[in-house]
Amino acid sequence: KFSSESESPALMDFYPKTPNLTNEKQLLGALQEVLEKLQSKRISPWEKKFGQVPTCDVGEQCAIRKGARIGKMCDCPRGAFCNFFLLKCL
């Protein structure tokens, strides 16, 4: 326990004195990649309005399991079906 304010550690004592610019650049690059992927996966307002889901390729994940429920992420192409055990288009 600290007896006075001068003995207590300051918040800045936990951070490095010199910034690690390479680490920050790597983090910014990773964040940029994630944002670009999210931007490309956006559903158009027309698809959202009419309840349509995008199409996915054979072998791609087409559903997701959350507890006992299974939600469809995309429609499999013609001739393929979504296997709800593997959660992929076959």
N, C-alpha and C. Protein backbone atom coordinates (compact mmCIF):
# COMPACT_ATOMS: atom_id res chain seq x y z
N LYS A 1 0.84 -1.18 0.00
CA LYS A 1 0.00 0.00 0.00
C LYS A 1 0.88 1.24 0.00
N PHE A 2 0.46 2.28 -0.72
CA PHE A 2 1.26 3.50 -0.84
C PHE A 2 0.79 4.50 0.21
N SER A 3 1.76 5.12 0.85
CA SER A 3 1.41 6.03 1.93
C SER A 3 1.16 7.45 1.43
N SER A 4 1.78 7.81 0.34
CA SER A 4 1.55 9.17 -0.17
C SER A 4 1.41 9.14 -1.69
N GLU A 5 0.95 10.24 -2.22
CA GLU A 5 0.71 10.34 -3.66
C GLU A 5 2.02 10.26 -4.44
N SER A 6 3.13 10.74 -3.89
CA SER A 6 4.40 10.74 -4.61
C SER A 6 4.95 9.33 -4.78
N GLU A 7 4.57 8.38 -3.94
CA GLU A 7 5.07 7.02 -4.05
C GLU A 7 4.23 6.16 -4.99
N SER A 8 3.03 6.57 -5.30
CA SER A 8 2.17 5.75 -6.15
C SER A 8 2.67 5.78 -7.59
N PRO A 9 2.58 4.63 -8.27
CA PRO A 9 3.06 4.60 -9.66
C PRO A 9 2.10 5.36 -10.58
N ALA A 10 2.68 6.11 -11.48
CA ALA A 10 1.87 6.86 -12.44
C ALA A 10 1.50 5.94 -13.59
N LEU A 11 0.42 6.26 -14.26
CA LEU A 11 -0.04 5.45 -15.39
C LEU A 11 1.03 5.39 -16.48
N MET A 12 1.73 6.46 -16.69
CA MET A 12 2.74 6.51 -17.74
C MET A 12 3.95 5.63 -17.42
N ASP A 13 4.13 5.23 -16.16
CA ASP A 13 5.25 4.36 -15.80
C ASP A 13 5.10 2.98 -16.41
N PHE A 14 3.88 2.59 -16.77
CA PHE A 14 3.63 1.27 -17.32
C PHE A 14 3.85 1.21 -18.84
N TYR A 15 3.99 2.34 -19.48
CA TYR A 15 4.20 2.39 -20.91
C TYR A 15 5.67 2.69 -21.20
N PRO A 16 6.19 2.18 -22.33
CA PRO A 16 7.60 2.45 -22.65
C PRO A 16 7.82 3.93 -22.91
N LYS A 17 9.03 4.39 -22.57
CA LYS A 17 9.36 5.81 -22.73
C LYS A 17 9.48 6.19 -24.20
N THR A 18 10.04 5.28 -25.01
CA THR A 18 10.15 5.55 -26.45
C THR A 18 9.14 4.69 -27.19
N PRO A 19 8.37 5.28 -28.09
CA PRO A 19 7.36 4.50 -28.80
C PRO A 19 8.01 3.47 -29.73
N ASN A 20 7.38 2.32 -29.85
CA ASN A 20 7.84 1.27 -30.74
C ASN A 20 7.09 1.44 -32.07
N LEU A 21 7.71 2.18 -32.98
CA LEU A 21 7.03 2.54 -34.22
C LEU A 21 6.79 1.34 -35.13
N THR A 22 7.71 0.36 -35.13
CA THR A 22 7.51 -0.80 -36.00
C THR A 22 6.31 -1.60 -35.52
N ASN A 23 6.14 -1.75 -34.22
CA ASN A 23 5.00 -2.47 -33.67
C ASN A 23 3.70 -1.73 -33.99
N GLU A 24 3.73 -0.42 -33.86
CA GLU A 24 2.55 0.38 -34.17
C GLU A 24 2.19 0.28 -35.65
N LYS A 25 3.19 0.27 -36.52
CA LYS A 25 2.93 0.14 -37.96
C LYS A 25 2.34 -1.22 -38.28
N GLN A 26 2.83 -2.28 -37.62
CA GLN A 26 2.28 -3.61 -37.83
C GLN A 26 0.83 -3.67 -37.39
N LEU A 27 0.52 -3.07 -36.24
CA LEU A 27 -0.85 -3.05 -35.74
C LEU A 27 -1.77 -2.27 -36.67
N LEU A 28 -1.29 -1.14 -37.17
CA LEU A 28 -2.09 -0.34 -38.10
C LEU A 28 -2.32 -1.09 -39.41
N GLY A 29 -1.30 -1.81 -39.87
CA GLY A 29 -1.45 -2.60 -41.09
C GLY A 29 -2.48 -3.71 -40.91
N ALA A 30 -2.43 -4.39 -39.76
CA ALA A 30 -3.39 -5.46 -39.49
C ALA A 30 -4.80 -4.90 -39.38
N LEU A 31 -4.95 -3.75 -38.73
CA LEU A 31 -6.26 -3.11 -38.61
C LEU A 31 -6.80 -2.72 -39.99
N GLN A 32 -5.93 -2.21 -40.85
CA GLN A 32 -6.34 -1.83 -42.20
C GLN A 32 -6.84 -3.04 -42.98
N GLU A 33 -6.14 -4.20 -42.84
CA GLU A 33 -6.57 -5.42 -43.52
C GLU A 33 -7.94 -5.87 -43.06
N VAL A 34 -8.17 -5.82 -41.75
CA VAL A 34 -9.46 -6.24 -41.20
C VAL A 34 -10.57 -5.33 -41.71
N LEU A 35 -10.32 -4.03 -41.72
CA LEU A 35 -11.33 -3.08 -42.20
C LEU A 35 -11.64 -3.31 -43.67
N GLU A 36 -10.62 -3.61 -44.48
CA GLU A 36 -10.85 -3.86 -45.90
C GLU A 36 -11.68 -5.13 -46.10
N LYS A 37 -11.40 -6.17 -45.32
CA LYS A 37 -12.16 -7.42 -45.43
C LYS A 37 -13.62 -7.19 -45.03
N LEU A 38 -13.83 -6.43 -43.96
CA LEU A 38 -15.20 -6.14 -43.53
C LEU A 38 -15.94 -5.33 -44.58
N GLN A 39 -15.25 -4.40 -45.20
CA GLN A 39 -15.87 -3.55 -46.23
C GLN A 39 -16.31 -4.40 -47.41
N SER A 40 -15.48 -5.39 -47.80
CA SER A 40 -15.80 -6.20 -48.96
C SER A 40 -16.91 -7.21 -48.67
N LYS A 41 -17.17 -7.52 -47.41
CA LYS A 41 -18.20 -8.50 -47.06
C LYS A 41 -19.55 -7.87 -46.76
N ARG A 42 -19.69 -6.60 -47.01
CA ARG A 42 -20.96 -5.93 -46.73
C ARG A 42 -22.06 -6.46 -47.64
N ILE A 43 -23.25 -6.58 -47.09
CA ILE A 43 -24.41 -7.04 -47.86
C ILE A 43 -25.10 -5.80 -48.43
N SER A 44 -25.45 -5.88 -49.70
CA SER A 44 -26.11 -4.75 -50.33
C SER A 44 -27.49 -4.53 -49.71
N PRO A 45 -28.00 -3.31 -49.72
CA PRO A 45 -29.33 -3.03 -49.16
C PRO A 45 -30.43 -3.84 -49.84
N TRP A 46 -30.28 -4.14 -51.14
CA TRP A 46 -31.28 -4.94 -51.85
C TRP A 46 -31.32 -6.35 -51.28
N GLU A 47 -30.14 -6.97 -51.05
CA GLU A 47 -30.09 -8.31 -50.48
C GLU A 47 -30.66 -8.33 -49.07
N LYS A 48 -30.35 -7.29 -48.30
CA LYS A 48 -30.85 -7.22 -46.92
C LYS A 48 -32.36 -7.05 -46.90
N LYS A 49 -32.89 -6.22 -47.81
CA LYS A 49 -34.32 -5.94 -47.83
C LYS A 49 -35.14 -7.18 -48.18
N PHE A 50 -34.67 -7.95 -49.15
CA PHE A 50 -35.43 -9.10 -49.60
C PHE A 50 -34.99 -10.41 -48.96
N GLY A 51 -34.16 -10.34 -47.93
CA GLY A 51 -33.78 -11.52 -47.17
C GLY A 51 -32.89 -12.49 -47.92
N GLN A 52 -32.21 -12.02 -48.94
CA GLN A 52 -31.33 -12.90 -49.68
C GLN A 52 -29.95 -12.91 -49.05
N VAL A 53 -29.29 -14.04 -49.14
CA VAL A 53 -27.93 -14.13 -48.64
C VAL A 53 -27.00 -14.29 -49.85
N PRO A 54 -25.75 -13.86 -49.73
CA PRO A 54 -24.83 -13.98 -50.86
C PRO A 54 -24.52 -15.44 -51.17
N THR A 55 -24.02 -15.70 -52.37
CA THR A 55 -23.66 -17.06 -52.74
C THR A 55 -22.22 -17.33 -52.31
N CYS A 56 -21.94 -18.61 -52.00
CA CYS A 56 -20.59 -18.99 -51.63
C CYS A 56 -20.13 -20.13 -52.54
N ASP A 57 -18.85 -20.39 -52.54
CA ASP A 57 -18.27 -21.41 -53.41
C ASP A 57 -18.31 -22.78 -52.74
N VAL A 58 -18.13 -23.82 -53.54
CA VAL A 58 -18.08 -25.18 -53.02
C VAL A 58 -16.85 -25.31 -52.11
N GLY A 59 -17.04 -25.88 -50.94
CA GLY A 59 -15.97 -26.04 -49.96
C GLY A 59 -15.88 -24.89 -48.98
N GLU A 60 -16.61 -23.81 -49.24
CA GLU A 60 -16.60 -22.65 -48.37
C GLU A 60 -17.60 -22.84 -47.22
N GLN A 61 -17.33 -22.20 -46.09
CA GLN A 61 -18.24 -22.30 -44.95
C GLN A 61 -19.54 -21.58 -45.30
N CYS A 62 -20.68 -22.31 -45.15
CA CYS A 62 -21.96 -21.75 -45.55
C CYS A 62 -22.91 -21.55 -44.36
N ALA A 63 -22.54 -22.07 -43.20
CA ALA A 63 -23.40 -21.94 -42.03
C ALA A 63 -22.53 -21.82 -40.79
N ILE A 64 -23.15 -21.39 -39.71
CA ILE A 64 -22.44 -21.23 -38.44
C ILE A 64 -23.32 -21.80 -37.33
N ARG A 65 -22.71 -22.45 -36.39
CA ARG A 65 -23.46 -23.07 -35.29
C ARG A 65 -23.27 -22.22 -34.03
N LYS A 66 -24.36 -21.90 -33.39
CA LYS A 66 -24.34 -21.15 -32.13
C LYS A 66 -25.20 -21.93 -31.15
N GLY A 67 -24.57 -22.77 -30.34
CA GLY A 67 -25.31 -23.64 -29.44
C GLY A 67 -26.05 -24.68 -30.25
N ALA A 68 -27.34 -24.80 -30.05
CA ALA A 68 -28.15 -25.77 -30.77
C ALA A 68 -28.66 -25.20 -32.10
N ARG A 69 -28.46 -23.92 -32.33
CA ARG A 69 -28.99 -23.28 -33.54
C ARG A 69 -27.95 -23.21 -34.63
N ILE A 70 -28.42 -23.26 -35.87
CA ILE A 70 -27.54 -23.14 -37.04
C ILE A 70 -28.05 -22.00 -37.89
N GLY A 71 -27.18 -21.09 -38.22
CA GLY A 71 -27.54 -19.95 -39.06
C GLY A 71 -26.85 -20.04 -40.41
N LYS A 72 -27.57 -19.73 -41.45
CA LYS A 72 -27.04 -19.80 -42.80
C LYS A 72 -26.33 -18.51 -43.14
N MET A 73 -25.09 -18.60 -43.62
CA MET A 73 -24.30 -17.43 -43.95
C MET A 73 -24.40 -17.07 -45.43
N CYS A 74 -24.51 -18.11 -46.28
CA CYS A 74 -24.59 -17.88 -47.72
C CYS A 74 -25.25 -19.08 -48.38
N ASP A 75 -25.69 -18.89 -49.64
CA ASP A 75 -26.31 -19.96 -50.42
C ASP A 75 -25.24 -20.67 -51.22
N CYS A 76 -25.32 -21.99 -51.26
CA CYS A 76 -24.39 -22.78 -52.07
C CYS A 76 -24.78 -22.67 -53.54
N PRO A 77 -23.81 -22.84 -54.44
CA PRO A 77 -24.13 -22.75 -55.87
C PRO A 77 -25.01 -23.90 -56.32
N ARG A 78 -25.58 -23.78 -57.51
CA ARG A 78 -26.46 -24.82 -58.07
C ARG A 78 -25.72 -26.15 -58.14
N GLY A 79 -26.37 -27.22 -57.67
CA GLY A 79 -25.77 -28.54 -57.67
C GLY A 79 -25.04 -28.89 -56.39
N ALA A 80 -24.89 -27.90 -55.50
CA ALA A 80 -24.23 -28.13 -54.21
C ALA A 80 -25.26 -27.88 -53.10
N PHE A 81 -24.97 -28.39 -51.92
CA PHE A 81 -25.85 -28.15 -50.78
C PHE A 81 -25.02 -27.84 -49.55
N CYS A 82 -25.64 -27.21 -48.57
CA CYS A 82 -24.96 -26.85 -47.34
C CYS A 82 -25.07 -28.02 -46.36
N ASN A 83 -23.96 -28.67 -46.07
CA ASN A 83 -23.91 -29.77 -45.12
C ASN A 83 -23.87 -29.17 -43.72
N PHE A 84 -24.94 -29.39 -42.95
CA PHE A 84 -25.02 -28.76 -41.63
C PHE A 84 -24.22 -29.49 -40.57
N PHE A 85 -23.59 -30.61 -40.91
CA PHE A 85 -22.66 -31.26 -39.98
C PHE A 85 -21.28 -30.65 -40.13
N LEU A 86 -20.84 -30.50 -41.38
CA LEU A 86 -19.55 -29.91 -41.66
C LEU A 86 -19.61 -28.38 -41.78
N LEU A 87 -20.83 -27.84 -41.98
CA LEU A 87 -21.08 -26.41 -42.15
C LEU A 87 -20.40 -25.87 -43.41
N LYS A 88 -20.30 -26.71 -44.45
CA LYS A 88 -19.66 -26.31 -45.70
C LYS A 88 -20.51 -26.72 -46.88
N CYS A 89 -20.30 -26.03 -48.01
CA CYS A 89 -20.97 -26.38 -49.27
C CYS A 89 -20.30 -27.62 -49.84
N LEU A 90 -21.13 -28.61 -50.14
CA LEU A 90 -20.61 -29.85 -50.76
C LEU A 90 -21.30 -30.12 -52.07
